[in-house]
Amino acid sequence: MATETYTTLQTVGAIMTSRVVTIAMDDSLEVIRDIFKKVKFHHLIVVDGDKIVGLISDRDYFKAISPYVDTMSETHRDRATLEKRAHQIMSPSPVTVERSCPIQEAARIMLDRSISCLPITYSNGTIAGVVTWKDVFKVFLEPLDSTD
């Protein structure tokens, strides 16, 4: 059974999250903050039209804003950090893979490049979904869980 589970989930297309939130290059950090407050995921894909141009993690966001935003100690200068734009804090030209990429290859790419998520694309380069390190981990742990 464990082998069957793995063989049915051989590609990232089978495990990706297909509901992806994208943002534009000129969206403000205030917009990004509002998105991260509402959702449980940690990455946003930055697009220019249909093209993936960057990736923003919640860590990127927290590094870019003042720690005093939304506190009693907030100043105008702290608040101004929310006016920065996505293109100013994004990781440009993120590594992407197509839906047909084997899960093991995606895991190797993520490990070798020290990245926590991979945008998944269709063959024409448009966004199909996203795979995170947690998604990959679950696939490799599933066979272990079924032996209990």
N, C-alpha and C. Protein backbone atom coordinates (compact mmCIF):
# COMPACT_ATOMS: atom_id res chain seq x y z
N MET A 1 0.82 -1.21 0.00
CA MET A 1 0.00 0.00 0.00
C MET A 1 0.86 1.26 0.00
N ALA A 2 1.92 1.27 0.79
CA ALA A 2 2.78 2.45 0.84
C ALA A 2 3.36 2.75 -0.52
N THR A 3 3.74 1.73 -1.28
CA THR A 3 4.28 1.93 -2.62
C THR A 3 3.21 2.50 -3.54
N GLU A 4 1.97 2.03 -3.43
CA GLU A 4 0.89 2.55 -4.26
C GLU A 4 0.67 4.04 -4.00
N THR A 5 0.71 4.43 -2.75
CA THR A 5 0.51 5.84 -2.40
C THR A 5 1.58 6.69 -3.05
N TYR A 6 2.82 6.25 -2.99
CA TYR A 6 3.90 7.04 -3.57
C TYR A 6 3.78 7.10 -5.09
N THR A 7 3.45 5.97 -5.73
CA THR A 7 3.40 5.98 -7.18
C THR A 7 2.26 6.84 -7.71
N THR A 8 1.17 6.99 -6.97
CA THR A 8 0.09 7.85 -7.43
C THR A 8 0.41 9.33 -7.22
N LEU A 9 1.40 9.59 -6.41
CA LEU A 9 1.81 10.98 -6.13
C LEU A 9 3.22 11.23 -6.62
N GLN A 10 3.54 10.84 -7.82
CA GLN A 10 4.91 10.95 -8.32
C GLN A 10 5.32 12.35 -8.72
N THR A 11 4.36 13.18 -9.08
CA THR A 11 4.72 14.51 -9.57
C THR A 11 4.18 15.60 -8.65
N VAL A 12 4.79 16.76 -8.76
CA VAL A 12 4.34 17.88 -7.93
C VAL A 12 2.92 18.31 -8.28
N GLY A 13 2.50 18.02 -9.51
CA GLY A 13 1.14 18.35 -9.91
C GLY A 13 0.10 17.66 -9.06
N ALA A 14 0.45 16.50 -8.52
CA ALA A 14 -0.48 15.73 -7.69
C ALA A 14 -0.57 16.25 -6.26
N ILE A 15 0.43 16.97 -5.80
CA ILE A 15 0.43 17.41 -4.40
C ILE A 15 0.37 18.92 -4.23
N MET A 16 0.42 19.65 -5.33
CA MET A 16 0.46 21.11 -5.24
C MET A 16 -0.86 21.68 -4.72
N THR A 17 -0.77 22.86 -4.19
CA THR A 17 -1.95 23.63 -3.85
C THR A 17 -2.27 24.47 -5.07
N SER A 18 -3.46 24.29 -5.60
CA SER A 18 -3.79 25.00 -6.84
C SER A 18 -4.44 26.37 -6.60
N ARG A 19 -4.91 26.61 -5.40
CA ARG A 19 -5.46 27.94 -5.07
C ARG A 19 -4.31 28.81 -4.60
N VAL A 20 -3.82 29.64 -5.50
CA VAL A 20 -2.64 30.46 -5.22
C VAL A 20 -3.05 31.93 -5.19
N VAL A 21 -2.54 32.65 -4.22
CA VAL A 21 -2.78 34.08 -4.15
C VAL A 21 -1.59 34.78 -4.78
N THR A 22 -1.89 35.63 -5.74
CA THR A 22 -0.82 36.39 -6.39
C THR A 22 -0.99 37.87 -6.07
N ILE A 23 0.11 38.57 -6.17
CA ILE A 23 0.08 40.01 -5.99
C ILE A 23 0.85 40.66 -7.13
N ALA A 24 0.58 41.92 -7.36
CA ALA A 24 1.27 42.67 -8.40
C ALA A 24 2.55 43.28 -7.84
N MET A 25 3.47 43.59 -8.72
CA MET A 25 4.76 44.15 -8.31
C MET A 25 4.61 45.44 -7.52
N ASP A 26 3.57 46.22 -7.82
CA ASP A 26 3.40 47.51 -7.15
C ASP A 26 2.45 47.47 -5.96
N ASP A 27 2.00 46.28 -5.56
CA ASP A 27 1.17 46.20 -4.35
C ASP A 27 2.02 46.59 -3.14
N SER A 28 1.38 47.27 -2.21
CA SER A 28 2.09 47.77 -1.03
C SER A 28 2.23 46.68 0.03
N LEU A 29 3.14 46.93 0.96
CA LEU A 29 3.29 46.02 2.08
C LEU A 29 2.04 46.00 2.95
N GLU A 30 1.28 47.06 2.90
CA GLU A 30 0.02 47.08 3.64
C GLU A 30 -0.93 46.04 3.06
N VAL A 31 -1.00 45.92 1.75
CA VAL A 31 -1.82 44.89 1.09
C VAL A 31 -1.30 43.51 1.46
N ILE A 32 0.01 43.35 1.43
CA ILE A 32 0.62 42.06 1.77
C ILE A 32 0.32 41.70 3.22
N ARG A 33 0.43 42.67 4.11
CA ARG A 33 0.11 42.44 5.52
C ARG A 33 -1.33 41.94 5.68
N ASP A 34 -2.26 42.60 4.99
CA ASP A 34 -3.66 42.22 5.10
C ASP A 34 -3.90 40.79 4.59
N ILE A 35 -3.21 40.41 3.54
CA ILE A 35 -3.35 39.04 3.02
C ILE A 35 -2.81 38.05 4.03
N PHE A 36 -1.60 38.27 4.53
CA PHE A 36 -1.01 37.34 5.49
C PHE A 36 -1.83 37.23 6.78
N LYS A 37 -2.52 38.30 7.16
CA LYS A 37 -3.37 38.25 8.35
C LYS A 37 -4.58 37.34 8.15
N LYS A 38 -5.04 37.22 6.90
CA LYS A 38 -6.27 36.48 6.60
C LYS A 38 -6.06 35.01 6.25
N VAL A 39 -4.85 34.62 5.91
CA VAL A 39 -4.62 33.28 5.39
C VAL A 39 -3.63 32.50 6.26
N LYS A 40 -3.56 31.20 6.00
CA LYS A 40 -2.67 30.35 6.79
C LYS A 40 -1.38 29.99 6.07
N PHE A 41 -1.18 30.48 4.86
CA PHE A 41 0.05 30.14 4.15
C PHE A 41 1.08 31.24 4.30
N HIS A 42 2.30 30.96 3.83
CA HIS A 42 3.44 31.84 4.12
C HIS A 42 4.14 32.41 2.90
N HIS A 43 3.57 32.21 1.69
CA HIS A 43 4.22 32.68 0.48
C HIS A 43 3.21 33.33 -0.46
N LEU A 44 3.63 34.39 -1.12
CA LEU A 44 2.83 35.04 -2.15
C LEU A 44 3.65 35.09 -3.43
N ILE A 45 3.01 34.81 -4.54
CA ILE A 45 3.69 34.85 -5.83
C ILE A 45 3.44 36.23 -6.45
N VAL A 46 4.52 36.88 -6.86
CA VAL A 46 4.43 38.20 -7.47
C VAL A 46 4.39 38.00 -8.99
N VAL A 47 3.40 38.63 -9.61
CA VAL A 47 3.23 38.47 -11.05
C VAL A 47 3.23 39.82 -11.75
N ASP A 48 3.60 39.76 -13.01
CA ASP A 48 3.48 40.90 -13.92
C ASP A 48 2.67 40.36 -15.09
N GLY A 49 1.37 40.61 -15.08
CA GLY A 49 0.47 39.96 -16.03
C GLY A 49 0.34 38.49 -15.65
N ASP A 50 0.66 37.61 -16.58
CA ASP A 50 0.64 36.17 -16.30
C ASP A 50 2.01 35.62 -15.93
N LYS A 51 3.02 36.46 -15.94
CA LYS A 51 4.39 36.01 -15.73
C LYS A 51 4.79 36.09 -14.26
N ILE A 52 5.37 35.01 -13.75
CA ILE A 52 5.89 34.99 -12.38
C ILE A 52 7.20 35.76 -12.36
N VAL A 53 7.26 36.80 -11.54
CA VAL A 53 8.46 37.63 -11.48
C VAL A 53 9.14 37.62 -10.12
N GLY A 54 8.44 37.11 -9.11
CA GLY A 54 9.02 37.10 -7.78
C GLY A 54 8.22 36.29 -6.79
N LEU A 55 8.77 36.18 -5.60
CA LEU A 55 8.15 35.44 -4.52
C LEU A 55 8.40 36.21 -3.23
N ILE A 56 7.38 36.30 -2.39
CA ILE A 56 7.52 36.97 -1.09
C ILE A 56 7.08 35.99 -0.01
N SER A 57 7.95 35.78 0.95
CA SER A 57 7.58 34.95 2.09
C SER A 57 7.16 35.86 3.24
N ASP A 58 6.52 35.28 4.22
CA ASP A 58 6.16 36.09 5.39
C ASP A 58 7.43 36.59 6.08
N ARG A 59 8.51 35.84 5.97
CA ARG A 59 9.79 36.29 6.56
C ARG A 59 10.30 37.53 5.84
N ASP A 60 10.17 37.56 4.50
CA ASP A 60 10.57 38.75 3.74
C ASP A 60 9.77 39.96 4.21
N TYR A 61 8.48 39.75 4.39
CA TYR A 61 7.60 40.83 4.83
C TYR A 61 8.02 41.34 6.21
N PHE A 62 8.24 40.41 7.16
CA PHE A 62 8.58 40.85 8.52
C PHE A 62 9.94 41.54 8.58
N LYS A 63 10.86 41.18 7.70
CA LYS A 63 12.15 41.87 7.65
C LYS A 63 12.01 43.29 7.11
N ALA A 64 11.00 43.51 6.28
CA ALA A 64 10.86 44.80 5.59
C ALA A 64 10.08 45.85 6.38
N ILE A 65 9.26 45.44 7.32
CA ILE A 65 8.47 46.43 8.04
C ILE A 65 9.09 46.74 9.40
N SER A 66 8.72 47.87 9.90
CA SER A 66 9.17 48.27 11.22
C SER A 66 8.51 47.38 12.27
N PRO A 67 9.25 46.98 13.29
CA PRO A 67 8.64 46.17 14.36
C PRO A 67 7.64 46.95 15.21
N TYR A 68 7.59 48.26 15.01
CA TYR A 68 6.69 49.09 15.80
C TYR A 68 5.35 49.37 15.13
N VAL A 69 5.17 48.86 13.90
CA VAL A 69 3.89 49.05 13.21
C VAL A 69 2.79 48.39 14.03
N ASP A 70 1.68 49.12 14.16
CA ASP A 70 0.50 48.65 14.91
C ASP A 70 0.75 48.51 16.41
N THR A 71 1.72 49.25 16.93
CA THR A 71 1.93 49.27 18.37
C THR A 71 1.74 50.69 18.88
N MET A 72 1.72 50.84 20.17
CA MET A 72 1.59 52.18 20.78
C MET A 72 2.80 53.05 20.46
N SER A 73 3.93 52.44 20.16
CA SER A 73 5.16 53.19 19.89
C SER A 73 5.31 53.58 18.42
N GLU A 74 4.34 53.25 17.60
CA GLU A 74 4.43 53.51 16.16
C GLU A 74 4.57 55.00 15.86
N THR A 75 5.49 55.31 14.96
CA THR A 75 5.66 56.69 14.49
C THR A 75 5.28 56.73 13.01
N HIS A 76 5.26 57.94 12.46
CA HIS A 76 4.96 58.09 11.03
C HIS A 76 5.99 57.33 10.19
N ARG A 77 7.22 57.39 10.63
CA ARG A 77 8.30 56.69 9.91
C ARG A 77 8.08 55.17 9.92
N ASP A 78 7.63 54.63 11.04
CA ASP A 78 7.33 53.19 11.12
C ASP A 78 6.20 52.84 10.15
N ARG A 79 5.16 53.65 10.19
CA ARG A 79 3.99 53.42 9.33
C ARG A 79 4.36 53.51 7.85
N ALA A 80 5.33 54.34 7.54
CA ALA A 80 5.75 54.51 6.14
C ALA A 80 6.36 53.24 5.56
N THR A 81 6.84 52.34 6.42
CA THR A 81 7.40 51.09 5.88
C THR A 81 6.33 50.26 5.17
N LEU A 82 5.07 50.48 5.52
CA LEU A 82 3.98 49.77 4.85
C LEU A 82 3.73 50.29 3.44
N GLU A 83 4.37 51.41 3.09
CA GLU A 83 4.21 51.97 1.75
C GLU A 83 5.20 51.37 0.75
N LYS A 84 6.17 50.58 1.24
CA LYS A 84 7.08 49.91 0.32
C LYS A 84 6.26 49.03 -0.61
N ARG A 85 6.85 48.68 -1.74
CA ARG A 85 6.16 47.89 -2.76
C ARG A 85 6.72 46.48 -2.84
N ALA A 86 5.89 45.57 -3.34
CA ALA A 86 6.26 44.16 -3.43
C ALA A 86 7.59 43.97 -4.15
N HIS A 87 7.80 44.69 -5.25
CA HIS A 87 9.03 44.52 -6.01
C HIS A 87 10.28 44.90 -5.23
N GLN A 88 10.11 45.69 -4.16
CA GLN A 88 11.25 46.10 -3.36
C GLN A 88 11.70 45.03 -2.38
N ILE A 89 10.82 44.10 -2.04
CA ILE A 89 11.20 43.09 -1.04
C ILE A 89 11.15 41.66 -1.59
N MET A 90 10.67 41.47 -2.81
CA MET A 90 10.51 40.12 -3.34
C MET A 90 11.86 39.49 -3.68
N SER A 91 11.86 38.17 -3.70
CA SER A 91 12.99 37.44 -4.27
C SER A 91 12.69 37.35 -5.76
N PRO A 92 13.51 38.00 -6.59
CA PRO A 92 13.20 38.03 -8.02
C PRO A 92 13.51 36.70 -8.72
N SER A 93 12.85 36.48 -9.83
CA SER A 93 13.07 35.30 -10.68
C SER A 93 13.13 34.00 -9.88
N PRO A 94 12.04 33.66 -9.19
CA PRO A 94 12.07 32.44 -8.38
C PRO A 94 12.20 31.18 -9.24
N VAL A 95 12.77 30.16 -8.64
CA VAL A 95 12.87 28.86 -9.30
C VAL A 95 11.45 28.32 -9.43
N THR A 96 11.10 27.84 -10.60
CA THR A 96 9.79 27.23 -10.82
C THR A 96 10.01 25.85 -11.44
N VAL A 97 9.01 25.00 -11.30
CA VAL A 97 9.02 23.70 -11.97
C VAL A 97 7.65 23.47 -12.58
N GLU A 98 7.60 22.61 -13.59
CA GLU A 98 6.32 22.29 -14.20
C GLU A 98 5.62 21.20 -13.40
N ARG A 99 4.32 21.06 -13.64
CA ARG A 99 3.48 20.09 -12.94
C ARG A 99 4.02 18.66 -13.05
N SER A 100 4.73 18.37 -14.12
CA SER A 100 5.23 17.02 -14.36
C SER A 100 6.54 16.71 -13.64
N CYS A 101 7.08 17.67 -12.90
CA CYS A 101 8.34 17.48 -12.18
C CYS A 101 8.16 16.41 -11.10
N PRO A 102 9.05 15.41 -11.07
CA PRO A 102 8.98 14.40 -10.01
C PRO A 102 9.15 15.03 -8.63
N ILE A 103 8.43 14.52 -7.66
CA ILE A 103 8.50 15.06 -6.30
C ILE A 103 9.91 15.01 -5.75
N GLN A 104 10.62 13.92 -6.01
CA GLN A 104 12.00 13.81 -5.50
C GLN A 104 12.89 14.90 -6.10
N GLU A 105 12.70 15.22 -7.36
CA GLU A 105 13.49 16.28 -7.99
C GLU A 105 13.15 17.63 -7.36
N ALA A 106 11.87 17.87 -7.11
CA ALA A 106 11.47 19.12 -6.46
C ALA A 106 12.08 19.21 -5.06
N ALA A 107 12.08 18.11 -4.33
CA ALA A 107 12.67 18.09 -2.99
C ALA A 107 14.16 18.41 -3.06
N ARG A 108 14.84 17.85 -4.04
CA ARG A 108 16.28 18.10 -4.20
C ARG A 108 16.52 19.58 -4.54
N ILE A 109 15.72 20.14 -5.42
CA ILE A 109 15.86 21.56 -5.78
C ILE A 109 15.68 22.43 -4.55
N MET A 110 14.65 22.14 -3.77
CA MET A 110 14.37 22.95 -2.58
C MET A 110 15.51 22.85 -1.57
N LEU A 111 16.03 21.65 -1.39
CA LEU A 111 17.13 21.45 -0.45
C LEU A 111 18.41 22.12 -0.94
N ASP A 112 18.76 21.89 -2.21
CA ASP A 112 20.00 22.45 -2.76
C ASP A 112 20.00 23.97 -2.79
N ARG A 113 18.84 24.57 -3.01
CA ARG A 113 18.75 26.03 -3.13
C ARG A 113 18.26 26.72 -1.85
N SER A 114 18.02 25.92 -0.81
CA SER A 114 17.54 26.46 0.48
C SER A 114 16.30 27.31 0.31
N ILE A 115 15.31 26.76 -0.40
CA ILE A 115 14.04 27.46 -0.58
C ILE A 115 12.92 26.64 0.03
N SER A 116 11.88 27.31 0.47
CA SER A 116 10.80 26.61 1.17
C SER A 116 9.56 26.41 0.32
N CYS A 117 9.53 26.96 -0.89
CA CYS A 117 8.40 26.70 -1.77
C CYS A 117 8.81 26.83 -3.23
N LEU A 118 8.05 26.15 -4.06
CA LEU A 118 8.27 26.20 -5.51
C LEU A 118 6.97 26.54 -6.20
N PRO A 119 6.94 27.62 -6.96
CA PRO A 119 5.77 27.85 -7.81
C PRO A 119 5.76 26.77 -8.91
N ILE A 120 4.57 26.23 -9.17
CA ILE A 120 4.39 25.20 -10.18
C ILE A 120 3.73 25.85 -11.39
N THR A 121 4.23 25.52 -12.58
CA THR A 121 3.70 26.15 -13.79
C THR A 121 3.18 25.10 -14.77
N TYR A 122 2.30 25.57 -15.64
CA TYR A 122 1.92 24.79 -16.81
C TYR A 122 3.05 24.91 -17.81
N SER A 123 3.00 24.15 -18.88
CA SER A 123 4.08 24.18 -19.87
C SER A 123 4.22 25.56 -20.53
N ASN A 124 3.15 26.37 -20.54
CA ASN A 124 3.24 27.71 -21.13
C ASN A 124 3.78 28.76 -20.14
N GLY A 125 4.13 28.33 -18.92
CA GLY A 125 4.72 29.23 -17.94
C GLY A 125 3.75 29.92 -17.00
N THR A 126 2.44 29.71 -17.21
CA THR A 126 1.46 30.33 -16.29
C THR A 126 1.38 29.51 -15.00
N ILE A 127 0.88 30.14 -13.97
CA ILE A 127 0.85 29.52 -12.64
C ILE A 127 -0.19 28.41 -12.57
N ALA A 128 0.26 27.25 -12.10
CA ALA A 128 -0.64 26.12 -11.87
C ALA A 128 -0.88 25.93 -10.37
N GLY A 129 0.12 26.26 -9.56
CA GLY A 129 -0.01 26.06 -8.13
C GLY A 129 1.30 26.34 -7.43
N VAL A 130 1.40 25.82 -6.21
CA VAL A 130 2.61 25.99 -5.41
C VAL A 130 2.79 24.74 -4.56
N VAL A 131 4.04 24.38 -4.34
CA VAL A 131 4.39 23.26 -3.45
C VAL A 131 5.36 23.81 -2.41
N THR A 132 5.10 23.48 -1.16
CA THR A 132 5.98 23.90 -0.07
C THR A 132 6.74 22.69 0.46
N TRP A 133 7.71 22.96 1.32
CA TRP A 133 8.48 21.87 1.91
C TRP A 133 7.56 20.96 2.73
N LYS A 134 6.51 21.52 3.31
CA LYS A 134 5.59 20.69 4.10
C LYS A 134 4.84 19.70 3.21
N ASP A 135 4.46 20.13 2.01
CA ASP A 135 3.77 19.24 1.07
C ASP A 135 4.68 18.06 0.71
N VAL A 136 5.93 18.34 0.45
CA VAL A 136 6.89 17.30 0.08
C VAL A 136 7.13 16.36 1.27
N PHE A 137 7.28 16.94 2.44
CA PHE A 137 7.50 16.15 3.65
C PHE A 137 6.37 15.15 3.87
N LYS A 138 5.14 15.61 3.69
CA LYS A 138 3.97 14.74 3.89
C LYS A 138 4.02 13.51 2.99
N VAL A 139 4.46 13.69 1.75
CA VAL A 139 4.54 12.57 0.81
C VAL A 139 5.53 11.53 1.30
N PHE A 140 6.67 11.98 1.77
CA PHE A 140 7.69 11.03 2.22
C PHE A 140 7.36 10.41 3.56
N LEU A 141 6.58 11.08 4.39
CA LEU A 141 6.20 10.53 5.68
C LEU A 141 4.97 9.61 5.59
N GLU A 142 4.15 9.80 4.59
CA GLU A 142 2.93 9.00 4.44
C GLU A 142 3.20 7.50 4.45
N PRO A 143 4.19 7.00 3.69
CA PRO A 143 4.46 5.54 3.75
C PRO A 143 4.85 5.09 5.15
N LEU A 144 5.55 5.94 5.90
CA LEU A 144 5.92 5.58 7.27
C LEU A 144 4.72 5.51 8.17
N ASP A 145 3.78 6.43 7.98
CA ASP A 145 2.57 6.46 8.80
C ASP A 145 1.70 5.24 8.56
N SER A 146 1.67 4.71 7.34
CA SER A 146 0.79 3.58 7.03
C SER A 146 1.34 2.26 7.52
N THR A 147 2.58 2.24 8.02
CA THR A 147 3.14 0.99 8.54
C THR A 147 2.81 0.79 10.01
N ASP A 148 2.18 1.78 10.62
CA ASP A 148 1.83 1.67 12.06
C ASP A 148 0.74 0.66 12.30
